Amino acid sequence: MPITQLSATELREKIRNSDNLLLLDVREPHEFDYAHIEGSELIPLALLPLRVAELDADRETVLVCHHGVRSMQASNYLQGRGFAKLYNLTGGIDAWSVQCDDSVPRY
């Protein structure tokens, strides 16, 4: 089953309307420290296999990275482990900064 792609504006609405949404950022710590969506949690892509047990497979989860490539890899990985409520942020944190929150720095 294909991973659902969310635009930044669709994610903004999903954040407003959901109280149990996990924003999972899979970038590196220095990237996260520089720019992230408020309320997101960091698990770098390389550490995801070691930390997957920390995640709830039944929780709606939006994967975030810089432009959407690493987050898509993470989505595919999680889907293969039984996660069903997955979304990938198309254009990543860069799209979020441009379309939703210009206080988030671009890089």
C-alpha atoms as a PDB file:
ATOM      1  CA  MET A   1       0.000   0.000   0.000  1.00  0.00           C
ATOM      2  CA  PRO A   2       1.465   3.405  -0.952  1.00  0.00           C
ATOM      3  CA  ILE A   3       2.442   5.863   1.774  1.00  0.00           C
ATOM      4  CA  THR A   4       0.104   8.868   1.910  1.00  0.00           C
ATOM      5  CA  GLN A   5       1.871  12.080   0.957  1.00  0.00           C
ATOM      6  CA  LEU A   6       0.931  15.258   2.851  1.00  0.00           C
ATOM      7  CA  SER A   7       1.651  18.781   1.703  1.00  0.00           C
ATOM      8  CA  ALA A   8       2.816  21.241   4.335  1.00  0.00           C
ATOM      9  CA  THR A   9      -0.600  22.921   4.385  1.00  0.00           C
ATOM     10  CA  GLU A  10      -2.346  19.550   4.784  1.00  0.00           C
ATOM     11  CA  LEU A  11      -0.031  18.786   7.689  1.00  0.00           C
ATOM     12  CA  ARG A  12      -0.845  22.126   9.308  1.00  0.00           C
ATOM     13  CA  GLU A  13      -4.558  21.193   9.219  1.00  0.00           C
ATOM     14  CA  LYS A  14      -3.847  17.685  10.512  1.00  0.00           C
ATOM     15  CA  ILE A  15      -1.900  19.177  13.449  1.00  0.00           C
ATOM     16  CA  ARG A  16      -4.812  21.499  14.232  1.00  0.00           C
ATOM     17  CA  ASN A  17      -7.361  18.680  14.139  1.00  0.00           C
ATOM     18  CA  SER A  18      -5.495  15.795  15.800  1.00  0.00           C
ATOM     19  CA  ASP A  19      -4.498  15.429  19.422  1.00  0.00           C
ATOM     20  CA  ASN A  20      -2.530  12.197  19.096  1.00  0.00           C
ATOM     21  CA  LEU A  21      -0.419  12.830  16.000  1.00  0.00           C
ATOM     22  CA  LEU A  22       3.287  11.962  16.112  1.00  0.00           C
ATOM     23  CA  LEU A  23       5.586  14.156  14.045  1.00  0.00           C
ATOM     24  CA  LEU A  24       8.678  12.008  13.653  1.00  0.00           C
ATOM     25  CA  ASP A  25      11.712  13.860  12.338  1.00  0.00           C
ATOM     26  CA  VAL A  26      14.353  11.532  10.895  1.00  0.00           C
ATOM     27  CA  ARG A  27      17.087  14.081  10.170  1.00  0.00           C
ATOM     28  CA  GLU A  28      20.364  14.370  12.038  1.00  0.00           C
ATOM     29  CA  PRO A  29      20.489  16.112  15.451  1.00  0.00           C
ATOM     30  CA  HIS A  30      22.311  19.192  14.115  1.00  0.00           C
ATOM     31  CA  GLU A  31      19.602  19.646  11.456  1.00  0.00           C
ATOM     32  CA  PHE A  32      16.849  19.258  14.035  1.00  0.00           C
ATOM     33  CA  ASP A  33      18.555  21.754  16.357  1.00  0.00           C
ATOM     34  CA  TYR A  34      18.709  24.281  13.518  1.00  0.00           C
ATOM     35  CA  ALA A  35      15.103  23.913  12.329  1.00  0.00           C
ATOM     36  CA  HIS A  36      12.152  21.725  13.298  1.00  0.00           C
ATOM     37  CA  ILE A  37       8.386  21.717  13.525  1.00  0.00           C
ATOM     38  CA  GLU A  38       7.239  22.492  17.037  1.00  0.00           C
ATOM     39  CA  GLY A  39       6.226  19.329  18.884  1.00  0.00           C
ATOM     40  CA  SER A  40       8.143  16.951  16.634  1.00  0.00           C
ATOM     41  CA  GLU A  41      10.307  14.146  17.996  1.00  0.00           C
ATOM     42  CA  LEU A  42      13.728  13.248  16.641  1.00  0.00           C
ATOM     43  CA  ILE A  43      14.869   9.760  15.732  1.00  0.00           C
ATOM     44  CA  PRO A  44      17.578   9.953  13.050  1.00  0.00           C
ATOM     45  CA  LEU A  45      17.015   7.574  10.142  1.00  0.00           C
ATOM     46  CA  ALA A  46      20.154   5.558  10.969  1.00  0.00           C
ATOM     47  CA  LEU A  47      18.871   4.926  14.511  1.00  0.00           C
ATOM     48  CA  LEU A  48      15.305   4.044  13.543  1.00  0.00           C
ATOM     49  CA  PRO A  49      15.906   0.248  13.480  1.00  0.00           C
ATOM     50  CA  LEU A  50      17.332   0.466  17.010  1.00  0.00           C
ATOM     51  CA  ARG A  51      14.476   2.596  18.338  1.00  0.00           C
ATOM     52  CA  VAL A  52      11.432   1.306  16.441  1.00  0.00           C
ATOM     53  CA  ALA A  53      10.173  -0.445  19.590  1.00  0.00           C
ATOM     54  CA  GLU A  54       9.675   2.997  21.183  1.00  0.00           C
ATOM     55  CA  LEU A  55       6.993   3.831  18.608  1.00  0.00           C
ATOM     56  CA  ASP A  56       3.286   2.949  18.634  1.00  0.00           C
ATOM     57  CA  ALA A  57       2.388   1.182  15.386  1.00  0.00           C
ATOM     58  CA  ASP A  58      -1.265   2.236  15.791  1.00  0.00           C
ATOM     59  CA  ARG A  59      -0.563   5.962  16.189  1.00  0.00           C
ATOM     60  CA  GLU A  60      -0.913   8.356  13.266  1.00  0.00           C
ATOM     61  CA  THR A  61       2.671   9.225  12.358  1.00  0.00           C
ATOM     62  CA  VAL A  62       3.967  11.887   9.989  1.00  0.00           C
ATOM     63  CA  LEU A  63       7.576  11.430   8.892  1.00  0.00           C
ATOM     64  CA  VAL A  64       9.631  14.584   8.330  1.00  0.00           C
ATOM     65  CA  CYS A  65      13.095  15.266   6.914  1.00  0.00           C
ATOM     66  CA  HIS A  66      14.718  18.070   4.899  1.00  0.00           C
ATOM     67  CA  HIS A  67      13.024  17.513   1.517  1.00  0.00           C
ATOM     68  CA  GLY A  68      11.057  14.266   1.890  1.00  0.00           C
ATOM     69  CA  VAL A  69      13.527  11.583   0.773  1.00  0.00           C
ATOM     70  CA  ARG A  70      14.782  10.240   4.116  1.00  0.00           C
ATOM     71  CA  SER A  71      11.289  10.466   5.561  1.00  0.00           C
ATOM     72  CA  MET A  72       9.999   8.339   2.682  1.00  0.00           C
ATOM     73  CA  GLN A  73      12.690   5.742   3.443  1.00  0.00           C
ATOM     74  CA  ALA A  74      11.614   5.798   7.098  1.00  0.00           C
ATOM     75  CA  SER A  75       7.959   5.449   6.093  1.00  0.00           C
ATOM     76  CA  ASN A  76       8.719   2.403   3.976  1.00  0.00           C
ATOM     77  CA  TYR A  77      10.761   0.884   6.801  1.00  0.00           C
ATOM     78  CA  LEU A  78       7.975   1.410   9.340  1.00  0.00           C
ATOM     79  CA  GLN A  79       5.321   0.135   6.953  1.00  0.00           C
ATOM     80  CA  GLY A  80       7.338  -3.061   6.612  1.00  0.00           C
ATOM     81  CA  ARG A  81       7.143  -3.458  10.387  1.00  0.00           C
ATOM     82  CA  GLY A  82       3.367  -3.205  10.530  1.00  0.00           C
ATOM     83  CA  PHE A  83       2.810   0.532  10.886  1.00  0.00           C
ATOM     84  CA  ALA A  84      -0.319   1.475   8.946  1.00  0.00           C
ATOM     85  CA  LYS A  85      -1.134   5.111   9.782  1.00  0.00           C
ATOM     86  CA  LEU A  86       1.863   6.703   8.070  1.00  0.00           C
ATOM     87  CA  TYR A  87       2.221   9.966   6.198  1.00  0.00           C
ATOM     88  CA  ASN A  88       5.228  11.516   4.483  1.00  0.00           C
ATOM     89  CA  LEU A  89       5.665  15.303   4.457  1.00  0.00           C
ATOM     90  CA  THR A  90       6.193  16.171   0.798  1.00  0.00           C
ATOM     91  CA  GLY A  91       8.998  18.701   0.492  1.00  0.00           C
ATOM     92  CA  GLY A  92       9.992  18.200   4.127  1.00  0.00           C
ATOM     93  CA  ILE A  93      10.870  20.909   6.609  1.00  0.00           C
ATOM     94  CA  ASP A  94      11.826  23.144   3.689  1.00  0.00           C
ATOM     95  CA  ALA A  95       8.231  23.143   2.391  1.00  0.00           C
ATOM     96  CA  TRP A  96       6.949  23.680   5.942  1.00  0.00           C
ATOM     97  CA  SER A  97       9.126  26.778   6.294  1.00  0.00           C
ATOM     98  CA  VAL A  98       8.030  28.242   2.962  1.00  0.00           C
ATOM     99  CA  GLN A  99       4.320  27.398   3.151  1.00  0.00           C
ATOM    100  CA  CYS A 100       3.414  27.365   6.848  1.00  0.00           C
ATOM    101  CA  ASP A 101       5.958  28.830   9.254  1.00  0.00           C
ATOM    102  CA  ASP A 102       8.592  31.239   7.997  1.00  0.00           C
ATOM    103  CA  SER A 103      10.072  31.422  11.503  1.00  0.00           C
ATOM    104  CA  VAL A 104      11.550  27.968  10.818  1.00  0.00           C
ATOM    105  CA  PRO A 105      14.919  28.625   9.138  1.00  0.00           C
ATOM    106  CA  ARG A 106      15.665  27.189   5.722  1.00  0.00           C
ATOM    107  CA  TYR A 107      18.986  25.551   4.897  1.00  0.00           C
END
